[in-house]
């Protein structure tokens, strides 16, 4: 008890001394509390037949009814397949791009050129998906789209990219690379900046080429960062982003484009099935949590630090 009483003035002094830092943390803390943790109480309606006029407390309990309906629905197989396939394509083609781009930028020795390139590749991140998809529509449109016009000039037939089920997935992945690849390099470049320059000097003295330096010094030095970001990426296996997919979704490509996020929107807001859509979202969250824990456990087994 005496120890605790002595600790209180010390904690108070530390708080007053670092109050500016705590004030900087406060907006982010409040954001997560208000928009992430408090809404978790609403997950209870996944086990109810929720009616807005009855409220959460008076809506009847139905147990696992909505989860059973989800797993029995033929649409579940389709949206699960589409979501997993888009995630693995994203992981396979997008995830390495920021690493490669960061390695290339790290090797540039002309600072002005490096800053110009960084600015150019960062800009798409600050554009909304509405703008990105709109630009793609203009370029890929059958009616005077620049890509189809080039096809005609070269003697090929026009391709209906926007309505095609075959072109939906490549278009989706390329748009993600275009928008996010530059922004994704920031963390890797920061990790590379912390590498001891003496390692490169020693490697050059030993006759190592630039490629050898990247392979034996740069990549091993940022390996822990790559593993952490990969674990976080795996946690988003069912979280591909609603806005992007919804803007690309239409009646012709729905078979390959419908995912959990758009399905929740359709079932929850358009059809008013609040309990069912909450059950779908709950399922997504549980899968993501399990995958993050599993990936973190595997990374620690492999000798990496993990995220906790």
C-alpha atoms as a PDB file:
ATOM      1  CA  UNK A   1       0.000   0.000   0.000  1.00  0.00           C
ATOM      2  CA  UNK A   2       2.866   2.351   0.860  1.00  0.00           C
ATOM      3  CA  UNK A   3       4.541   1.563  -2.469  1.00  0.00           C
ATOM      4  CA  UNK A   4       1.365   2.405  -4.363  1.00  0.00           C
ATOM      5  CA  UNK A   5       0.995   5.716  -2.522  1.00  0.00           C
ATOM      6  CA  UNK A   6       4.575   6.612  -3.453  1.00  0.00           C
ATOM      7  CA  UNK A   7       3.973   5.675  -7.092  1.00  0.00           C
ATOM      8  CA  UNK A   8       0.957   7.964  -7.503  1.00  0.00           C
ATOM      9  CA  UNK A   9       2.847  11.310  -7.253  1.00  0.00           C
ATOM     10  CA  UNK A  10       5.492   9.909  -9.588  1.00  0.00           C
ATOM     11  CA  UNK A  11       2.875   8.888 -12.147  1.00  0.00           C
ATOM     12  CA  UNK A  12       1.210  12.287 -11.796  1.00  0.00           C
ATOM     13  CA  UNK A  13       4.524  14.070 -12.420  1.00  0.00           C
ATOM     14  CA  UNK A  14       5.256  11.927 -15.449  1.00  0.00           C
ATOM     15  CA  UNK A  15       1.802  12.601 -16.822  1.00  0.00           C
ATOM     16  CA  UNK A  16       2.176  16.378 -16.374  1.00  0.00           C
ATOM     17  CA  UNK A  17       5.658  16.303 -17.886  1.00  0.00           C
ATOM     18  CA  UNK A  18       4.505  14.373 -20.976  1.00  0.00           C
ATOM     19  CA  UNK A  19       1.038  15.921 -21.261  1.00  0.00           C
ATOM     20  CA  UNK A  20       1.761  17.173 -24.801  1.00  0.00           C
ATOM     21  CA  UNK A  21       2.457  13.622 -25.952  1.00  0.00           C
ATOM     22  CA  UNK A  22      -0.700  12.327 -24.280  1.00  0.00           C
ATOM     23  CA  UNK A  23      -2.724  15.056 -25.976  1.00  0.00           C
ATOM     24  CA  UNK A  24      -1.319  13.944 -29.327  1.00  0.00           C
ATOM     25  CA  UNK A  25      -2.347  10.354 -28.584  1.00  0.00           C
ATOM     26  CA  UNK A  26      -5.855  11.353 -27.435  1.00  0.00           C
ATOM     27  CA  UNK A  27      -7.515  11.824 -30.901  1.00  0.00           C
ATOM     28  CA  UNK A  28      -6.328   8.423 -32.109  1.00  0.00           C
ATOM     29  CA  UNK A  29      -7.335   6.799 -28.824  1.00  0.00           C
ATOM     30  CA  UNK A  30     -10.823   8.322 -28.987  1.00  0.00           C
ATOM     31  CA  UNK A  31     -11.186   7.275 -32.635  1.00  0.00           C
ATOM     32  CA  UNK A  32     -10.584   3.611 -31.825  1.00  0.00           C
ATOM     33  CA  UNK A  33     -12.780   3.709 -28.716  1.00  0.00           C
ATOM     34  CA  UNK A  34     -15.731   5.413 -30.447  1.00  0.00           C
ATOM     35  CA  UNK A  35     -15.606   3.772 -33.875  1.00  0.00           C
ATOM     36  CA  UNK A  36     -13.993   0.382 -33.133  1.00  0.00           C
ATOM     37  CA  UNK A  37     -14.683  -0.750 -29.572  1.00  0.00           C
ATOM     38  CA  UNK A  38     -18.059   0.750 -28.674  1.00  0.00           C
ATOM     39  CA  UNK A  39     -19.734  -0.591 -31.874  1.00  0.00           C
ATOM     40  CA  UNK A  40     -18.601  -4.106 -30.911  1.00  0.00           C
ATOM     41  CA  UNK A  41     -21.521  -4.149 -28.468  1.00  0.00           C
ATOM     42  CA  UNK A  42     -23.826  -4.218 -31.483  1.00  0.00           C
ATOM     43  CA  UNK A  43     -22.515  -7.665 -32.470  1.00  0.00           C
ATOM     44  CA  UNK A  44     -25.108  -9.102 -30.129  1.00  0.00           C
ATOM     45  CA  UNK A  45     -27.791  -8.622 -32.804  1.00  0.00           C
ATOM     46  CA  UNK A  46     -26.108 -11.407 -34.819  1.00  0.00           C
ATOM     47  CA  UNK A  47     -27.749 -13.767 -32.300  1.00  0.00           C
ATOM     48  CA  UNK A  48     -31.116 -11.986 -32.376  1.00  0.00           C
ATOM     49  CA  UNK A  49     -33.946 -11.426 -34.792  1.00  0.00           C
ATOM     50  CA  UNK A  50     -33.287  -7.715 -34.532  1.00  0.00           C
ATOM     51  CA  UNK A  51     -36.103  -5.263 -35.185  1.00  0.00           C
ATOM     52  CA  UNK A  52     -35.270  -1.539 -35.030  1.00  0.00           C
ATOM     53  CA  UNK A  53     -38.541  -0.597 -33.329  1.00  0.00           C
ATOM     54  CA  UNK A  54     -37.945  -3.218 -30.578  1.00  0.00           C
ATOM     55  CA  UNK A  55     -34.310  -2.286 -30.016  1.00  0.00           C
ATOM     56  CA  UNK A  56     -31.496  -4.562 -28.934  1.00  0.00           C
ATOM     57  CA  UNK A  57     -32.928  -5.342 -25.496  1.00  0.00           C
ATOM     58  CA  UNK A  58     -36.401  -6.397 -26.684  1.00  0.00           C
ATOM     59  CA  UNK A  59     -35.523  -8.245 -29.915  1.00  0.00           C
ATOM     60  CA  UNK A  60     -35.963 -12.042 -29.637  1.00  0.00           C
ATOM     61  CA  UNK A  61     -32.921 -14.310 -29.353  1.00  0.00           C
ATOM     62  CA  UNK A  62     -32.455 -16.855 -32.150  1.00  0.00           C
ATOM     63  CA  UNK A  63     -29.019 -18.264 -31.277  1.00  0.00           C
ATOM     64  CA  UNK A  64     -26.989 -19.512 -34.264  1.00  0.00           C
ATOM     65  CA  UNK A  65     -29.848 -19.178 -36.756  1.00  0.00           C
ATOM     66  CA  UNK A  66     -28.211 -16.506 -38.933  1.00  0.00           C
ATOM     67  CA  UNK A  67     -24.851 -18.296 -38.986  1.00  0.00           C
ATOM     68  CA  UNK A  68     -26.546 -21.531 -40.031  1.00  0.00           C
ATOM     69  CA  UNK A  69     -28.342 -19.643 -42.774  1.00  0.00           C
ATOM     70  CA  UNK A  70     -25.050 -18.124 -43.946  1.00  0.00           C
ATOM     71  CA  UNK A  71     -23.236 -21.452 -44.200  1.00  0.00           C
ATOM     72  CA  UNK A  72     -26.212 -23.115 -45.895  1.00  0.00           C
ATOM     73  CA  UNK A  73     -26.652 -20.331 -48.461  1.00  0.00           C
ATOM     74  CA  UNK A  74     -25.316 -21.184 -51.932  1.00  0.00           C
ATOM     75  CA  UNK A  75     -24.119 -17.576 -52.218  1.00  0.00           C
ATOM     76  CA  UNK A  76     -21.712 -18.195 -49.329  1.00  0.00           C
ATOM     77  CA  UNK A  77     -19.521 -20.466 -51.465  1.00  0.00           C
ATOM     78  CA  UNK A  78     -19.442 -17.870 -54.254  1.00  0.00           C
ATOM     79  CA  UNK A  79     -18.528 -14.893 -52.088  1.00  0.00           C
ATOM     80  CA  UNK A  80     -15.974 -16.940 -50.116  1.00  0.00           C
ATOM     81  CA  UNK A  81     -14.329 -18.103 -53.347  1.00  0.00           C
ATOM     82  CA  UNK A  82     -14.287 -14.599 -54.822  1.00  0.00           C
ATOM     83  CA  UNK A  83     -12.954 -13.028 -51.627  1.00  0.00           C
ATOM     84  CA  UNK A  84     -10.165 -15.583 -51.154  1.00  0.00           C
ATOM     85  CA  UNK A  85      -9.147 -15.496 -54.803  1.00  0.00           C
ATOM     86  CA  UNK A  86      -8.938 -11.695 -54.885  1.00  0.00           C
ATOM     87  CA  UNK A  87      -6.977 -11.723 -51.619  1.00  0.00           C
ATOM     88  CA  UNK A  88      -4.406 -14.228 -52.892  1.00  0.00           C
ATOM     89  CA  UNK A  89      -4.027 -12.323 -56.166  1.00  0.00           C
ATOM     90  CA  UNK A  90      -3.543  -9.177 -54.109  1.00  0.00           C
ATOM     91  CA  UNK A  91      -0.968 -10.910 -51.905  1.00  0.00           C
ATOM     92  CA  UNK A  92       0.867 -12.474 -54.856  1.00  0.00           C
ATOM     93  CA  UNK A  93       1.056  -9.471 -57.171  1.00  0.00           C
ATOM     94  CA  UNK A  94       0.663  -6.377 -54.972  1.00  0.00           C
ATOM     95  CA  UNK A  95       2.518  -7.230 -51.752  1.00  0.00           C
ATOM     96  CA  UNK A  96       6.006  -7.570 -53.363  1.00  0.00           C
ATOM     97  CA  UNK A  97       5.643  -4.374 -55.431  1.00  0.00           C
ATOM     98  CA  UNK A  98       6.240  -1.844 -52.587  1.00  0.00           C
ATOM     99  CA  UNK A  99       9.289  -3.857 -51.488  1.00  0.00           C
ATOM    100  CA  UNK A 100      10.764  -3.882 -54.999  1.00  0.00           C
ATOM    101  CA  UNK A 101       9.939  -0.209 -55.502  1.00  0.00           C
ATOM    102  CA  UNK A 102      11.521   0.706 -52.143  1.00  0.00           C
ATOM    103  CA  UNK A 103      14.670  -1.243 -53.040  1.00  0.00           C
ATOM    104  CA  UNK A 104      14.897   0.608 -56.349  1.00  0.00           C
ATOM    105  CA  UNK A 105      14.373   4.010 -54.725  1.00  0.00           C
ATOM    106  CA  UNK A 106      16.939   3.191 -52.054  1.00  0.00           C
ATOM    107  CA  UNK A 107      19.557   2.663 -54.752  1.00  0.00           C
ATOM    108  CA  UNK A 108      18.959   6.069 -56.371  1.00  0.00           C
ATOM    109  CA  UNK A 109      21.802   8.436 -55.537  1.00  0.00           C
ATOM    110  CA  UNK A 110      20.457  11.621 -57.163  1.00  0.00           C
ATOM    111  CA  UNK A 111      18.296  13.110 -54.387  1.00  0.00           C
ATOM    112  CA  UNK A 112      16.257  15.428 -56.619  1.00  0.00           C
ATOM    113  CA  UNK A 113      15.300  12.605 -58.963  1.00  0.00           C
ATOM    114  CA  UNK A 114      14.519  10.345 -55.998  1.00  0.00           C
ATOM    115  CA  UNK A 115      12.189  12.922 -54.414  1.00  0.00           C
ATOM    116  CA  UNK A 116      10.390  13.564 -57.699  1.00  0.00           C
ATOM    117  CA  UNK A 117       9.799   9.830 -58.223  1.00  0.00           C
ATOM    118  CA  UNK A 118       8.602   9.420 -54.624  1.00  0.00           C
ATOM    119  CA  UNK A 119       6.153  12.300 -55.028  1.00  0.00           C
ATOM    120  CA  UNK A 120       4.794  10.895 -58.286  1.00  0.00           C
ATOM    121  CA  UNK A 121       4.218   7.407 -56.868  1.00  0.00           C
ATOM    122  CA  UNK A 122       2.702   8.766 -53.621  1.00  0.00           C
ATOM    123  CA  UNK A 123       0.082  10.976 -55.317  1.00  0.00           C
ATOM    124  CA  UNK A 124      -2.418   8.206 -56.306  1.00  0.00           C
ATOM    125  CA  UNK A 125      -2.829   7.225 -52.644  1.00  0.00           C
ATOM    126  CA  UNK A 126      -4.437  10.605 -51.921  1.00  0.00           C
ATOM    127  CA  UNK A 127      -7.047  10.111 -54.635  1.00  0.00           C
ATOM    128  CA  UNK A 128     -10.273   8.362 -53.639  1.00  0.00           C
ATOM    129  CA  UNK A 129     -11.331   5.090 -55.215  1.00  0.00           C
ATOM    130  CA  UNK A 130     -14.052   7.027 -57.015  1.00  0.00           C
ATOM    131  CA  UNK A 131     -11.392   8.967 -58.921  1.00  0.00           C
ATOM    132  CA  UNK A 132      -9.215   5.918 -59.563  1.00  0.00           C
ATOM    133  CA  UNK A 133     -12.113   3.857 -60.899  1.00  0.00           C
ATOM    134  CA  UNK A 134     -13.448   6.816 -62.914  1.00  0.00           C
ATOM    135  CA  UNK A 135     -10.072   7.249 -64.643  1.00  0.00           C
ATOM    136  CA  UNK A 136     -10.037   3.514 -65.370  1.00  0.00           C
ATOM    137  CA  UNK A 137     -13.542   3.730 -66.828  1.00  0.00           C
ATOM    138  CA  UNK A 138     -12.489   6.563 -69.119  1.00  0.00           C
ATOM    139  CA  UNK A 139      -9.408   4.670 -70.284  1.00  0.00           C
ATOM    140  CA  UNK A 140     -11.095   1.261 -70.691  1.00  0.00           C
ATOM    141  CA  UNK A 141     -14.491   2.320 -72.022  1.00  0.00           C
ATOM    142  CA  UNK A 142     -15.763   0.782 -75.243  1.00  0.00           C
ATOM    143  CA  UNK A 143     -16.808   4.271 -76.344  1.00  0.00           C
ATOM    144  CA  UNK A 144     -13.600   6.171 -77.184  1.00  0.00           C
ATOM    145  CA  UNK A 145     -11.565   4.633 -74.376  1.00  0.00           C
ATOM    146  CA  UNK A 146      -7.869   5.148 -75.080  1.00  0.00           C
ATOM    147  CA  UNK A 147      -7.000   1.451 -74.621  1.00  0.00           C
ATOM    148  CA  UNK A 148      -9.684   0.249 -77.040  1.00  0.00           C
ATOM    149  CA  UNK A 149      -8.781   2.993 -79.501  1.00  0.00           C
ATOM    150  CA  UNK A 150      -5.202   1.713 -79.484  1.00  0.00           C
ATOM    151  CA  UNK A 151      -6.482  -1.825 -80.065  1.00  0.00           C
ATOM    152  CA  UNK A 152      -8.437  -0.632 -83.107  1.00  0.00           C
ATOM    153  CA  UNK A 153      -5.387   1.221 -84.462  1.00  0.00           C
ATOM    154  CA  UNK A 154      -3.345  -1.982 -84.171  1.00  0.00           C
ATOM    155  CA  UNK A 155      -6.024  -4.008 -85.930  1.00  0.00           C
ATOM    156  CA  UNK A 156      -7.545  -5.753 -82.913  1.00  0.00           C
ATOM    157  CA  UNK A 157     -11.164  -5.825 -81.794  1.00  0.00           C
ATOM    158  CA  UNK A 158     -12.408  -3.777 -78.851  1.00  0.00           C
ATOM    159  CA  UNK A 159     -12.549  -5.474 -75.452  1.00  0.00           C
ATOM    160  CA  UNK A 160     -15.329  -4.785 -72.970  1.00  0.00           C
ATOM    161  CA  UNK A 161     -13.090  -4.612 -69.891  1.00  0.00           C
ATOM    162  CA  UNK A 162     -15.735  -3.125 -67.618  1.00  0.00           C
ATOM    163  CA  UNK A 163     -18.339  -5.848 -68.133  1.00  0.00           C
ATOM    164  CA  UNK A 164     -15.994  -8.806 -68.588  1.00  0.00           C
ATOM    165  CA  UNK A 165     -15.672 -11.478 -65.910  1.00  0.00           C
ATOM    166  CA  UNK A 166     -12.226 -12.421 -67.255  1.00  0.00           C
ATOM    167  CA  UNK A 167     -10.808  -8.897 -66.937  1.00  0.00           C
ATOM    168  CA  UNK A 168     -12.320  -7.966 -63.569  1.00  0.00           C
ATOM    169  CA  UNK A 169      -9.591  -9.514 -61.402  1.00  0.00           C
ATOM    170  CA  UNK A 170      -6.594  -8.165 -63.385  1.00  0.00           C
ATOM    171  CA  UNK A 171      -8.246  -4.731 -63.424  1.00  0.00           C
ATOM    172  CA  UNK A 172      -8.818  -4.883 -59.651  1.00  0.00           C
ATOM    173  CA  UNK A 173      -5.203  -5.854 -58.866  1.00  0.00           C
ATOM    174  CA  UNK A 174      -3.690  -3.281 -61.243  1.00  0.00           C
ATOM    175  CA  UNK A 175      -5.768  -0.505 -59.687  1.00  0.00           C
ATOM    176  CA  UNK A 176      -4.546  -1.460 -56.206  1.00  0.00           C
ATOM    177  CA  UNK A 177      -0.935  -1.478 -57.392  1.00  0.00           C
ATOM    178  CA  UNK A 178      -1.418   1.896 -59.071  1.00  0.00           C
ATOM    179  CA  UNK A 179      -2.948   3.523 -55.990  1.00  0.00           C
ATOM    180  CA  UNK A 180      -1.119   1.909 -53.064  1.00  0.00           C
ATOM    181  CA  UNK A 181       2.310   0.714 -54.254  1.00  0.00           C
ATOM    182  CA  UNK A 182       4.020   4.082 -53.790  1.00  0.00           C
ATOM    183  CA  UNK A 183       2.501   4.687 -50.373  1.00  0.00           C
ATOM    184  CA  UNK A 184       3.492   1.194 -49.269  1.00  0.00           C
ATOM    185  CA  UNK A 185       7.176   2.006 -49.793  1.00  0.00           C
ATOM    186  CA  UNK A 186       7.273   4.498 -46.895  1.00  0.00           C
ATOM    187  CA  UNK A 187       7.686   1.906 -44.136  1.00  0.00           C
ATOM    188  CA  UNK A 188      10.275  -0.070 -46.100  1.00  0.00           C
ATOM    189  CA  UNK A 189      12.303   3.052 -46.924  1.00  0.00           C
ATOM    190  CA  UNK A 190      12.227   4.030 -43.238  1.00  0.00           C
ATOM    191  CA  UNK A 191      13.497   0.561 -42.303  1.00  0.00           C
ATOM    192  CA  UNK A 192      16.278   0.802 -44.907  1.00  0.00           C
ATOM    193  CA  UNK A 193      17.317   4.213 -43.581  1.00  0.00           C
ATOM    194  CA  UNK A 194      18.068   2.571 -40.216  1.00  0.00           C
ATOM    195  CA  UNK A 195      20.558   0.081 -41.702  1.00  0.00           C
ATOM    196  CA  UNK A 196      24.161   0.698 -40.626  1.00  0.00           C
ATOM    197  CA  UNK A 197      26.088   2.200 -43.613  1.00  0.00           C
ATOM    198  CA  UNK A 198      29.190   0.402 -42.338  1.00  0.00           C
ATOM    199  CA  UNK A 199      27.698  -2.885 -43.521  1.00  0.00           C
ATOM    200  CA  UNK A 200      27.566  -1.608 -47.097  1.00  0.00           C
ATOM    201  CA  UNK A 201      31.102  -0.217 -46.871  1.00  0.00           C
ATOM    202  CA  UNK A 202      32.421  -3.560 -45.648  1.00  0.00           C
ATOM    203  CA  UNK A 203      30.556  -5.350 -48.438  1.00  0.00           C
ATOM    204  CA  UNK A 204      32.009  -3.008 -51.074  1.00  0.00           C
ATOM    205  CA  UNK A 205      35.522  -3.588 -49.717  1.00  0.00           C
ATOM    206  CA  UNK A 206      34.920  -7.331 -50.086  1.00  0.00           C
ATOM    207  CA  UNK A 207      33.906  -6.746 -53.711  1.00  0.00           C
ATOM    208  CA  UNK A 208      30.136  -7.254 -53.355  1.00  0.00           C
ATOM    209  CA  UNK A 209      28.053  -5.859 -56.203  1.00  0.00           C
ATOM    210  CA  UNK A 210      24.970  -3.682 -55.626  1.00  0.00           C
ATOM    211  CA  UNK A 211      22.744  -6.709 -56.180  1.00  0.00           C
ATOM    212  CA  UNK A 212      24.718  -8.749 -53.642  1.00  0.00           C
ATOM    213  CA  UNK A 213      24.433  -5.915 -51.114  1.00  0.00           C
ATOM    214  CA  UNK A 214      20.669  -5.850 -51.557  1.00  0.00           C
ATOM    215  CA  UNK A 215      20.383  -9.625 -51.191  1.00  0.00           C
ATOM    216  CA  UNK A 216      22.732 -10.090 -48.217  1.00  0.00           C
ATOM    217  CA  UNK A 217      22.304  -6.791 -46.328  1.00  0.00           C
ATOM    218  CA  UNK A 218      19.169  -4.836 -47.246  1.00  0.00           C
ATOM    219  CA  UNK A 219      16.628  -7.663 -47.433  1.00  0.00           C
ATOM    220  CA  UNK A 220      17.783  -9.448 -44.230  1.00  0.00           C
ATOM    221  CA  UNK A 221      17.754  -6.090 -42.401  1.00  0.00           C
ATOM    222  CA  UNK A 222      14.123  -5.355 -43.306  1.00  0.00           C
ATOM    223  CA  UNK A 223      12.922  -8.954 -43.006  1.00  0.00           C
ATOM    224  CA  UNK A 224      11.210  -8.357 -39.656  1.00  0.00           C
ATOM    225  CA  UNK A 225       9.283  -5.407 -41.123  1.00  0.00           C
ATOM    226  CA  UNK A 226       8.200  -7.531 -44.091  1.00  0.00           C
ATOM    227  CA  UNK A 227       7.009 -10.294 -41.740  1.00  0.00           C
ATOM    228  CA  UNK A 228       4.984  -7.885 -39.575  1.00  0.00           C
ATOM    229  CA  UNK A 229       3.281  -6.308 -42.599  1.00  0.00           C
ATOM    230  CA  UNK A 230       2.610  -9.760 -44.041  1.00  0.00           C
ATOM    231  CA  UNK A 231       0.928 -10.855 -40.788  1.00  0.00           C
ATOM    232  CA  UNK A 232      -1.258  -7.736 -40.809  1.00  0.00           C
ATOM    233  CA  UNK A 233      -2.069  -8.349 -44.477  1.00  0.00           C
ATOM    234  CA  UNK A 234      -3.112 -11.930 -43.763  1.00  0.00           C
ATOM    235  CA  UNK A 235      -5.489 -10.626 -41.092  1.00  0.00           C
ATOM    236  CA  UNK A 236      -7.345  -8.743 -43.842  1.00  0.00           C
ATOM    237  CA  UNK A 237      -7.997 -11.910 -45.849  1.00  0.00           C
ATOM    238  CA  UNK A 238     -11.763 -11.270 -45.901  1.00  0.00           C
ATOM    239  CA  UNK A 239     -11.470  -7.468 -45.753  1.00  0.00           C
ATOM    240  CA  UNK A 240     -10.817  -6.320 -49.305  1.00  0.00           C
ATOM    241  CA  UNK A 241     -12.515  -2.951 -49.019  1.00  0.00           C
ATOM    242  CA  UNK A 242     -16.117  -2.167 -49.872  1.00  0.00           C
ATOM    243  CA  UNK A 243     -15.775   1.035 -51.878  1.00  0.00           C
ATOM    244  CA  UNK A 244     -13.341  -0.241 -54.510  1.00  0.00           C
ATOM    245  CA  UNK A 245     -15.242  -3.441 -55.293  1.00  0.00           C
ATOM    246  CA  UNK A 246     -18.632  -1.751 -55.175  1.00  0.00           C
ATOM    247  CA  UNK A 247     -17.572   0.797 -57.796  1.00  0.00           C
ATOM    248  CA  UNK A 248     -16.412  -1.987 -60.119  1.00  0.00           C
ATOM    249  CA  UNK A 249     -19.427  -4.213 -59.460  1.00  0.00           C
ATOM    250  CA  UNK A 250     -22.181  -4.549 -62.082  1.00  0.00           C
ATOM    251  CA  UNK A 251     -24.749  -7.089 -63.174  1.00  0.00           C
ATOM    252  CA  UNK A 252     -22.380  -8.650 -65.736  1.00  0.00           C
ATOM    253  CA  UNK A 253     -19.403  -9.321 -63.444  1.00  0.00           C
ATOM    254  CA  UNK A 254     -21.263  -9.978 -60.171  1.00  0.00           C
ATOM    255  CA  UNK A 255     -20.456 -13.690 -60.412  1.00  0.00           C
ATOM    256  CA  UNK A 256     -16.741 -12.988 -59.874  1.00  0.00           C
ATOM    257  CA  UNK A 257     -16.949  -9.621 -58.100  1.00  0.00           C
ATOM    258  CA  UNK A 258     -19.371 -10.177 -55.206  1.00  0.00           C
ATOM    259  CA  UNK A 259     -17.452 -10.370 -51.906  1.00  0.00           C
ATOM    260  CA  UNK A 260     -18.350 -10.290 -48.218  1.00  0.00           C
ATOM    261  CA  UNK A 261     -18.201  -6.492 -47.995  1.00  0.00           C
ATOM    262  CA  UNK A 262     -20.630  -5.881 -50.858  1.00  0.00           C
ATOM    263  CA  UNK A 263     -22.823  -8.776 -49.719  1.00  0.00           C
ATOM    264  CA  UNK A 264     -23.136  -7.249 -46.228  1.00  0.00           C
ATOM    265  CA  UNK A 265     -24.129  -3.919 -47.798  1.00  0.00           C
ATOM    266  CA  UNK A 266     -26.747  -5.552 -50.021  1.00  0.00           C
ATOM    267  CA  UNK A 267     -28.239  -7.768 -47.309  1.00  0.00           C
ATOM    268  CA  UNK A 268     -27.935  -5.272 -44.471  1.00  0.00           C
ATOM    269  CA  UNK A 269     -28.811  -1.852 -45.867  1.00  0.00           C
ATOM    270  CA  UNK A 270     -30.705  -2.581 -49.062  1.00  0.00           C
ATOM    271  CA  UNK A 271     -32.751  -5.521 -47.804  1.00  0.00           C
ATOM    272  CA  UNK A 272     -32.890  -4.548 -44.127  1.00  0.00           C
ATOM    273  CA  UNK A 273     -31.532  -7.883 -42.838  1.00  0.00           C
ATOM    274  CA  UNK A 274     -29.547  -6.329 -40.023  1.00  0.00           C
ATOM    275  CA  UNK A 275     -29.012  -9.452 -37.931  1.00  0.00           C
ATOM    276  CA  UNK A 276     -27.974 -11.565 -40.900  1.00  0.00           C
ATOM    277  CA  UNK A 277     -25.516  -8.974 -42.229  1.00  0.00           C
ATOM    278  CA  UNK A 278     -24.065  -8.580 -38.715  1.00  0.00           C
ATOM    279  CA  UNK A 279     -23.542 -12.343 -38.572  1.00  0.00           C
ATOM    280  CA  UNK A 280     -21.656 -12.171 -41.889  1.00  0.00           C
ATOM    281  CA  UNK A 281     -19.463  -9.348 -40.577  1.00  0.00           C
ATOM    282  CA  UNK A 282     -18.902 -11.242 -37.313  1.00  0.00           C
ATOM    283  CA  UNK A 283     -17.755 -14.291 -39.280  1.00  0.00           C
ATOM    284  CA  UNK A 284     -15.266 -12.128 -41.193  1.00  0.00           C
ATOM    285  CA  UNK A 285     -13.829 -10.667 -37.990  1.00  0.00           C
ATOM    286  CA  UNK A 286     -13.390 -14.057 -36.323  1.00  0.00           C
ATOM    287  CA  UNK A 287     -11.595 -15.477 -39.380  1.00  0.00           C
ATOM    288  CA  UNK A 288      -9.287 -12.451 -39.524  1.00  0.00           C
ATOM    289  CA  UNK A 289      -8.480 -12.719 -35.790  1.00  0.00           C
ATOM    290  CA  UNK A 290      -7.676 -16.436 -36.071  1.00  0.00           C
ATOM    291  CA  UNK A 291      -5.423 -15.857 -39.077  1.00  0.00           C
ATOM    292  CA  UNK A 292      -3.511 -13.021 -37.377  1.00  0.00           C
ATOM    293  CA  UNK A 293      -2.911 -15.130 -34.252  1.00  0.00           C
ATOM    294  CA  UNK A 294      -1.893 -18.152 -36.354  1.00  0.00           C
ATOM    295  CA  UNK A 295       0.436 -16.153 -38.604  1.00  0.00           C
ATOM    296  CA  UNK A 296       2.027 -14.472 -35.582  1.00  0.00           C
ATOM    297  CA  UNK A 297       2.563 -17.868 -33.916  1.00  0.00           C
ATOM    298  CA  UNK A 298       4.152 -19.283 -37.079  1.00  0.00           C
ATOM    299  CA  UNK A 299       6.436 -16.263 -37.438  1.00  0.00           C
ATOM    300  CA  UNK A 300       7.684 -16.712 -33.879  1.00  0.00           C
ATOM    301  CA  UNK A 301       8.242 -20.416 -34.513  1.00  0.00           C
ATOM    302  CA  UNK A 302      10.346 -19.399 -37.523  1.00  0.00           C
ATOM    303  CA  UNK A 303      12.465 -17.103 -35.330  1.00  0.00           C
ATOM    304  CA  UNK A 304      10.876 -13.769 -36.234  1.00  0.00           C
ATOM    305  CA  UNK A 305       9.580 -11.202 -33.752  1.00  0.00           C
ATOM    306  CA  UNK A 306       5.893 -11.115 -34.794  1.00  0.00           C
ATOM    307  CA  UNK A 307       3.523  -8.305 -33.859  1.00  0.00           C
ATOM    308  CA  UNK A 308       3.189  -9.139 -30.143  1.00  0.00           C
END
